[in-house]
Amino acid sequence: MGFLVIKTIRLNKSGFPDLMCLKDGKTIWIEVKEPKDTLKPLQKKRIEELIEIGFEAYCLQKNKGKIYP
């Protein structure tokens, strides 16, 4: 889709989504989960913080699609 995708490994704060996707001045944050993995409370909090300041952010789970928010 033409996005530059950056895999975040370690940031100065924990809980941020795994992927930062950049295109046309827009940033989308995506947390990626395997089928048996769960979204942790801190990860939910970080997604909510990003949304609150104007970013698109969500969690995708393999075989389920978007699971949060």
Protein backbone atom coordinates (compact mmCIF):
# COMPACT_ATOMS: atom_id res chain seq x y z
CA MET A 1 0.00 0.00 0.00
CA GLY A 2 3.03 2.25 -0.19
CA PHE A 3 3.70 2.68 3.54
CA LEU A 4 7.17 2.86 5.04
CA VAL A 5 6.88 0.39 7.94
CA ILE A 6 9.20 0.61 10.93
CA LYS A 7 9.30 -2.23 13.47
CA THR A 8 9.66 -0.66 16.89
CA ILE A 9 11.96 -2.76 19.03
CA ARG A 10 12.63 -0.59 22.06
CA LEU A 11 11.40 2.91 22.71
CA ASN A 12 11.95 5.10 25.76
CA LYS A 13 8.54 3.97 27.10
CA SER A 14 7.14 0.44 27.17
CA GLY A 15 3.88 -0.71 25.61
CA PHE A 16 3.96 1.12 22.29
CA PRO A 17 2.65 -0.75 19.22
CA ASP A 18 4.96 -2.99 17.19
CA LEU A 19 4.70 -1.15 13.88
CA MET A 20 4.86 2.50 12.89
CA CYS A 21 3.52 2.91 9.35
CA LEU A 22 4.30 6.17 7.52
CA LYS A 23 2.77 7.56 4.32
CA ASP A 24 1.89 11.02 3.00
CA GLY A 25 2.52 12.74 6.35
CA LYS A 26 0.31 10.27 8.22
CA THR A 27 1.40 7.78 10.89
CA ILE A 28 -0.55 4.63 11.79
CA TRP A 29 0.50 2.58 14.83
CA ILE A 30 -0.28 -1.16 14.82
CA GLU A 31 0.12 -3.72 17.61
CA VAL A 32 0.33 -7.24 16.15
CA LYS A 33 -0.70 -10.34 18.10
CA GLU A 34 -0.43 -14.04 17.39
CA PRO A 35 -3.64 -16.11 17.80
CA LYS A 36 -2.99 -17.12 21.42
CA ASP A 37 -1.43 -13.84 22.57
CA THR A 38 -3.40 -11.20 24.46
CA LEU A 39 -3.31 -7.42 24.46
CA LYS A 40 -1.81 -6.22 27.75
CA PRO A 41 -3.35 -3.33 29.75
CA LEU A 42 -0.31 -1.10 29.10
CA GLN A 43 -0.57 -1.78 25.35
CA LYS A 44 -4.25 -0.75 25.44
CA LYS A 45 -3.29 2.40 27.34
CA ARG A 46 -0.64 3.32 24.74
CA ILE A 47 -3.10 2.77 21.87
CA GLU A 48 -5.62 5.01 23.66
CA GLU A 49 -2.95 7.69 24.25
CA LEU A 50 -1.99 7.68 20.57
CA ILE A 51 -5.62 7.96 19.48
CA GLU A 52 -6.18 10.79 21.98
CA ILE A 53 -3.40 12.87 20.40
CA GLY A 54 -4.71 12.32 16.88
CA PHE A 55 -3.02 9.19 15.54
CA GLU A 56 -4.67 6.12 14.08
CA ALA A 57 -3.73 3.16 16.31
CA TYR A 58 -5.11 -0.32 16.80
CA CYS A 59 -4.34 -3.97 17.46
CA LEU A 60 -4.56 -6.71 14.84
CA GLN A 61 -4.64 -10.40 15.68
CA LYS A 62 -3.81 -13.15 13.22
CA ASN A 63 -6.97 -14.86 11.93
CA LYS A 64 -9.23 -12.29 13.67
CA GLY A 65 -8.29 -8.91 12.20
CA LYS A 66 -8.78 -5.75 14.25
CA ILE A 67 -9.42 -6.59 17.92
CA TYR A 68 -8.87 -3.21 19.60
CA PRO A 69 -10.28 -0.58 19.83
